[in-house]
Amino acid sequence: MSAASACSSHSARLVATDPALLQALAGAGFADTFRIALTDEQGRLSAGELTRQMFSRTPEWVSLLLATRNRVVALFGLKQADLHIDGDTSSTSSSVAGVPVVTQSEDQVQLGFDDKHLDFRIWVRREPGTTELSAQLTVTTVVRTNQWLGRAYLAVIKPFHRRIVPAMLNRLTH
């Protein structure tokens, strides 16, 4: 099956999280991983370029939710978020949606930071295709809460997160 036909018949799906990523943020209480098939052309792009495209093609409703989130979290002194990409995603001095790039290779971008209420990491991995399977893009989010505010924040955000990530992946490939 070609990547293009795999993409047209599949949407982002929830898959098991790589245990090694859980260990990268010891004590994490939340993790999820979504995966989608890439087109042949997308399968040749770097993880950095795919990350940039994913965040630059965000659905409008996600931008509206983010604006609402920013108004609410300002009341608690939490950091504002946006969907802006600062710098070249091939550089670890850049950020995506206000989240610093921690590490990066051709096949993976790790974003994240530690904050007073929670610590989180996002891994965007491009997995090469084979003759049987098209290339895949996998997005893993791992969160460790630090205090009651982090636990409350995660409880409120989690249902939205589980809709936003697949929507962003689907928008990237369709």
C-alpha atoms as a PDB file:
ATOM      1  CA  MET A   1       0.000   0.000   0.000  1.00  0.00           C
ATOM      2  CA  SER A   2       1.404   3.400  -0.907  1.00  0.00           C
ATOM      3  CA  ALA A   3       1.768   6.118   1.701  1.00  0.00           C
ATOM      4  CA  ALA A   4      -0.793   8.253  -0.082  1.00  0.00           C
ATOM      5  CA  SER A   5      -3.445   5.540   0.007  1.00  0.00           C
ATOM      6  CA  ALA A   6      -2.560   4.669   3.609  1.00  0.00           C
ATOM      7  CA  CYS A   7      -2.978   8.319   4.543  1.00  0.00           C
ATOM      8  CA  SER A   8      -6.316   8.712   2.838  1.00  0.00           C
ATOM      9  CA  SER A   9      -7.778   5.694   4.629  1.00  0.00           C
ATOM     10  CA  HIS A  10      -6.348   6.337   8.092  1.00  0.00           C
ATOM     11  CA  SER A  11      -6.559   9.077  10.668  1.00  0.00           C
ATOM     12  CA  ALA A  12      -4.403   9.729  13.696  1.00  0.00           C
ATOM     13  CA  ARG A  13      -4.776   6.949  16.223  1.00  0.00           C
ATOM     14  CA  LEU A  14      -3.843   6.435  19.844  1.00  0.00           C
ATOM     15  CA  VAL A  15      -1.001   3.908  20.258  1.00  0.00           C
ATOM     16  CA  ALA A  16       1.094   2.589  23.134  1.00  0.00           C
ATOM     17  CA  THR A  17       3.693   4.997  24.530  1.00  0.00           C
ATOM     18  CA  ASP A  18       7.341   3.963  24.266  1.00  0.00           C
ATOM     19  CA  PRO A  19       8.421   3.051  27.850  1.00  0.00           C
ATOM     20  CA  ALA A  20      11.799   4.734  27.301  1.00  0.00           C
ATOM     21  CA  LEU A  21      10.039   8.078  26.914  1.00  0.00           C
ATOM     22  CA  LEU A  22       8.234   7.568  30.218  1.00  0.00           C
ATOM     23  CA  GLN A  23      11.594   7.031  31.893  1.00  0.00           C
ATOM     24  CA  ALA A  24      12.868  10.286  30.419  1.00  0.00           C
ATOM     25  CA  LEU A  25      10.518  12.176  32.772  1.00  0.00           C
ATOM     26  CA  ALA A  26      10.619  10.136  35.967  1.00  0.00           C
ATOM     27  CA  GLY A  27       7.447  10.295  38.020  1.00  0.00           C
ATOM     28  CA  ALA A  28       5.255  11.255  35.068  1.00  0.00           C
ATOM     29  CA  GLY A  29       1.585  10.648  35.724  1.00  0.00           C
ATOM     30  CA  PHE A  30       0.265  11.175  32.214  1.00  0.00           C
ATOM     31  CA  ALA A  31       1.404  10.077  28.780  1.00  0.00           C
ATOM     32  CA  ASP A  32      -0.181   9.485  25.416  1.00  0.00           C
ATOM     33  CA  THR A  33       0.995   8.817  21.906  1.00  0.00           C
ATOM     34  CA  PHE A  34      -0.734   9.423  18.598  1.00  0.00           C
ATOM     35  CA  ARG A  35       0.467   8.174  15.216  1.00  0.00           C
ATOM     36  CA  ILE A  36      -0.470   8.827  11.607  1.00  0.00           C
ATOM     37  CA  ALA A  37       0.741   7.606   8.221  1.00  0.00           C
ATOM     38  CA  LEU A  38       2.654  10.151   6.170  1.00  0.00           C
ATOM     39  CA  THR A  39       2.525  10.683   2.438  1.00  0.00           C
ATOM     40  CA  ASP A  40       5.587   9.580   0.457  1.00  0.00           C
ATOM     41  CA  GLU A  41       6.675  13.229   0.183  1.00  0.00           C
ATOM     42  CA  GLN A  42       6.214  13.897   3.916  1.00  0.00           C
ATOM     43  CA  GLY A  43       8.132  10.719   4.751  1.00  0.00           C
ATOM     44  CA  ARG A  44      11.233  12.324   3.231  1.00  0.00           C
ATOM     45  CA  LEU A  45      10.996  15.444   5.441  1.00  0.00           C
ATOM     46  CA  SER A  46      12.913  15.843   8.691  1.00  0.00           C
ATOM     47  CA  ALA A  47      11.155  15.613  12.033  1.00  0.00           C
ATOM     48  CA  GLY A  48      11.890  19.334  12.485  1.00  0.00           C
ATOM     49  CA  GLU A  49      10.162  20.257   9.246  1.00  0.00           C
ATOM     50  CA  LEU A  50       7.184  18.017  10.061  1.00  0.00           C
ATOM     51  CA  THR A  51       6.929  19.651  13.501  1.00  0.00           C
ATOM     52  CA  ARG A  52       6.978  23.105  11.922  1.00  0.00           C
ATOM     53  CA  GLN A  53       4.278  22.105   9.430  1.00  0.00           C
ATOM     54  CA  MET A  54       2.114  20.497  12.101  1.00  0.00           C
ATOM     55  CA  PHE A  55       2.080  23.653  14.236  1.00  0.00           C
ATOM     56  CA  SER A  56       1.670  26.019  11.285  1.00  0.00           C
ATOM     57  CA  ARG A  57      -1.426  24.137  10.042  1.00  0.00           C
ATOM     58  CA  THR A  58      -3.301  24.131  13.329  1.00  0.00           C
ATOM     59  CA  PRO A  59      -7.101  24.203  12.989  1.00  0.00           C
ATOM     60  CA  GLU A  60      -8.724  27.541  13.863  1.00  0.00           C
ATOM     61  CA  TRP A  61     -10.708  26.025  16.729  1.00  0.00           C
ATOM     62  CA  VAL A  62      -7.421  25.043  18.383  1.00  0.00           C
ATOM     63  CA  SER A  63      -6.226  28.648  18.166  1.00  0.00           C
ATOM     64  CA  LEU A  64      -9.484  29.801  19.788  1.00  0.00           C
ATOM     65  CA  LEU A  65      -9.099  27.238  22.603  1.00  0.00           C
ATOM     66  CA  LEU A  66      -5.521  28.369  23.148  1.00  0.00           C
ATOM     67  CA  ALA A  67      -6.603  32.009  23.419  1.00  0.00           C
ATOM     68  CA  THR A  68      -9.217  30.995  26.013  1.00  0.00           C
ATOM     69  CA  ARG A  69      -6.622  28.943  27.892  1.00  0.00           C
ATOM     70  CA  ASN A  70      -4.252  31.921  27.986  1.00  0.00           C
ATOM     71  CA  ARG A  71      -6.911  34.192  29.489  1.00  0.00           C
ATOM     72  CA  VAL A  72      -7.713  31.645  32.216  1.00  0.00           C
ATOM     73  CA  VAL A  73      -4.139  30.667  33.146  1.00  0.00           C
ATOM     74  CA  ALA A  74      -3.121  34.326  33.395  1.00  0.00           C
ATOM     75  CA  LEU A  75      -5.254  34.454  36.536  1.00  0.00           C
ATOM     76  CA  PHE A  76      -2.965  31.815  38.083  1.00  0.00           C
ATOM     77  CA  GLY A  77       0.307  33.313  36.893  1.00  0.00           C
ATOM     78  CA  LEU A  78       1.041  30.490  34.433  1.00  0.00           C
ATOM     79  CA  LYS A  79       2.955  30.923  31.179  1.00  0.00           C
ATOM     80  CA  GLN A  80       1.113  32.002  28.060  1.00  0.00           C
ATOM     81  CA  ALA A  81       1.265  29.702  25.041  1.00  0.00           C
ATOM     82  CA  ASP A  82       0.999  30.418  21.363  1.00  0.00           C
ATOM     83  CA  LEU A  83       1.400  28.575  18.099  1.00  0.00           C
ATOM     84  CA  HIS A  84       4.242  30.765  16.848  1.00  0.00           C
ATOM     85  CA  ILE A  85       7.468  29.104  15.709  1.00  0.00           C
ATOM     86  CA  ASP A  86      10.579  30.991  16.822  1.00  0.00           C
ATOM     87  CA  GLY A  87      13.706  30.364  14.810  1.00  0.00           C
ATOM     88  CA  ASP A  88      14.579  27.412  12.640  1.00  0.00           C
ATOM     89  CA  THR A  89      13.263  24.104  13.977  1.00  0.00           C
ATOM     90  CA  SER A  90      16.628  22.608  13.049  1.00  0.00           C
ATOM     91  CA  SER A  91      18.177  24.564  15.937  1.00  0.00           C
ATOM     92  CA  THR A  92      17.874  23.777  19.633  1.00  0.00           C
ATOM     93  CA  SER A  93      17.736  27.544  20.288  1.00  0.00           C
ATOM     94  CA  SER A  94      14.306  27.657  18.689  1.00  0.00           C
ATOM     95  CA  SER A  95      10.863  27.068  20.123  1.00  0.00           C
ATOM     96  CA  VAL A  96       7.539  25.800  18.838  1.00  0.00           C
ATOM     97  CA  ALA A  97       4.317  27.148  20.322  1.00  0.00           C
ATOM     98  CA  GLY A  98       6.411  28.800  23.020  1.00  0.00           C
ATOM     99  CA  VAL A  99       7.936  25.446  23.986  1.00  0.00           C
ATOM    100  CA  PRO A 100      11.722  25.196  23.688  1.00  0.00           C
ATOM    101  CA  VAL A 101      13.329  22.592  21.453  1.00  0.00           C
ATOM    102  CA  VAL A 102      15.300  20.400  23.900  1.00  0.00           C
ATOM    103  CA  THR A 103      17.004  18.001  21.492  1.00  0.00           C
ATOM    104  CA  GLN A 104      16.700  17.178  17.864  1.00  0.00           C
ATOM    105  CA  SER A 105      17.856  14.788  15.175  1.00  0.00           C
ATOM    106  CA  GLU A 106      16.739  14.102  11.632  1.00  0.00           C
ATOM    107  CA  ASP A 107      14.090  11.685  12.929  1.00  0.00           C
ATOM    108  CA  GLN A 108      13.023  13.258  16.227  1.00  0.00           C
ATOM    109  CA  VAL A 109      12.328  16.600  17.901  1.00  0.00           C
ATOM    110  CA  GLN A 110      11.944  16.829  21.656  1.00  0.00           C
ATOM    111  CA  LEU A 111      10.157  19.881  23.045  1.00  0.00           C
ATOM    112  CA  GLY A 112       9.462  20.713  26.656  1.00  0.00           C
ATOM    113  CA  PHE A 113      10.248  22.548  29.855  1.00  0.00           C
ATOM    114  CA  ASP A 114       9.835  22.367  33.592  1.00  0.00           C
ATOM    115  CA  ASP A 115       7.468  24.803  35.254  1.00  0.00           C
ATOM    116  CA  LYS A 116       6.251  25.355  38.796  1.00  0.00           C
ATOM    117  CA  HIS A 117       2.985  23.478  38.261  1.00  0.00           C
ATOM    118  CA  LEU A 118       4.110  20.741  35.866  1.00  0.00           C
ATOM    119  CA  ASP A 119       6.936  19.471  33.683  1.00  0.00           C
ATOM    120  CA  PHE A 120       6.291  18.120  30.221  1.00  0.00           C
ATOM    121  CA  ARG A 121       7.969  16.775  27.143  1.00  0.00           C
ATOM    122  CA  ILE A 122       6.684  16.312  23.618  1.00  0.00           C
ATOM    123  CA  TRP A 123       8.457  14.016  21.191  1.00  0.00           C
ATOM    124  CA  VAL A 124       7.724  14.262  17.477  1.00  0.00           C
ATOM    125  CA  ARG A 125       9.187  11.203  15.752  1.00  0.00           C
ATOM    126  CA  ARG A 126       9.325  10.406  12.077  1.00  0.00           C
ATOM    127  CA  GLU A 127       9.506   6.668  11.609  1.00  0.00           C
ATOM    128  CA  PRO A 128      10.734   5.559   8.191  1.00  0.00           C
ATOM    129  CA  GLY A 129       8.519   3.558   5.905  1.00  0.00           C
ATOM    130  CA  THR A 130       9.117   0.100   4.529  1.00  0.00           C
ATOM    131  CA  THR A 131       7.922  -1.647   1.407  1.00  0.00           C
ATOM    132  CA  GLU A 132       4.909  -2.810   3.435  1.00  0.00           C
ATOM    133  CA  LEU A 133       4.181   0.279   5.551  1.00  0.00           C
ATOM    134  CA  SER A 134       4.317   4.003   4.861  1.00  0.00           C
ATOM    135  CA  ALA A 135       6.394   6.347   6.993  1.00  0.00           C
ATOM    136  CA  GLN A 136       4.689   7.327  10.252  1.00  0.00           C
ATOM    137  CA  LEU A 137       4.669  10.439  12.403  1.00  0.00           C
ATOM    138  CA  THR A 138       4.311   9.817  16.124  1.00  0.00           C
ATOM    139  CA  VAL A 139       3.634  12.510  18.729  1.00  0.00           C
ATOM    140  CA  THR A 140       4.138  11.559  22.379  1.00  0.00           C
ATOM    141  CA  THR A 141       3.274  13.812  25.308  1.00  0.00           C
ATOM    142  CA  VAL A 142       4.533  13.026  28.826  1.00  0.00           C
ATOM    143  CA  VAL A 143       3.564  15.136  31.857  1.00  0.00           C
ATOM    144  CA  ARG A 144       4.688  15.172  35.493  1.00  0.00           C
ATOM    145  CA  THR A 145       2.619  17.357  37.813  1.00  0.00           C
ATOM    146  CA  ASN A 146       4.398  19.160  40.652  1.00  0.00           C
ATOM    147  CA  GLN A 147       1.606  20.469  42.863  1.00  0.00           C
ATOM    148  CA  TRP A 148      -2.150  20.722  43.145  1.00  0.00           C
ATOM    149  CA  LEU A 149      -2.267  23.415  40.457  1.00  0.00           C
ATOM    150  CA  GLY A 150      -0.537  21.085  37.995  1.00  0.00           C
ATOM    151  CA  ARG A 151      -2.940  18.253  38.774  1.00  0.00           C
ATOM    152  CA  ALA A 152      -5.939  20.571  38.370  1.00  0.00           C
ATOM    153  CA  TYR A 153      -4.548  22.025  35.131  1.00  0.00           C
ATOM    154  CA  LEU A 154      -3.923  18.569  33.681  1.00  0.00           C
ATOM    155  CA  ALA A 155      -7.424  17.377  34.626  1.00  0.00           C
ATOM    156  CA  VAL A 156      -8.971  20.326  32.762  1.00  0.00           C
ATOM    157  CA  ILE A 157      -6.656  20.219  29.742  1.00  0.00           C
ATOM    158  CA  LYS A 158      -6.495  16.453  29.152  1.00  0.00           C
ATOM    159  CA  PRO A 159      -9.825  16.056  27.278  1.00  0.00           C
ATOM    160  CA  PHE A 160      -8.876  18.924  24.963  1.00  0.00           C
ATOM    161  CA  HIS A 161      -5.339  17.625  24.475  1.00  0.00           C
ATOM    162  CA  ARG A 162      -6.693  14.247  23.353  1.00  0.00           C
ATOM    163  CA  ARG A 163      -8.644  15.981  20.601  1.00  0.00           C
ATOM    164  CA  ILE A 164      -6.088  18.611  19.633  1.00  0.00           C
ATOM    165  CA  VAL A 165      -3.119  16.324  18.915  1.00  0.00           C
ATOM    166  CA  PRO A 166      -5.027  14.013  16.526  1.00  0.00           C
ATOM    167  CA  ALA A 167      -6.630  17.039  14.848  1.00  0.00           C
ATOM    168  CA  MET A 168      -3.201  18.570  14.253  1.00  0.00           C
ATOM    169  CA  LEU A 169      -1.855  15.295  12.845  1.00  0.00           C
ATOM    170  CA  ASN A 170      -4.899  14.836  10.619  1.00  0.00           C
ATOM    171  CA  ARG A 171      -4.613  18.405   9.341  1.00  0.00           C
ATOM    172  CA  LEU A 172      -0.944  17.802   8.515  1.00  0.00           C
ATOM    173  CA  THR A 173      -1.638  14.824   6.291  1.00  0.00           C
ATOM    174  CA  HIS A 174      -4.952  15.725   4.659  1.00  0.00           C
END
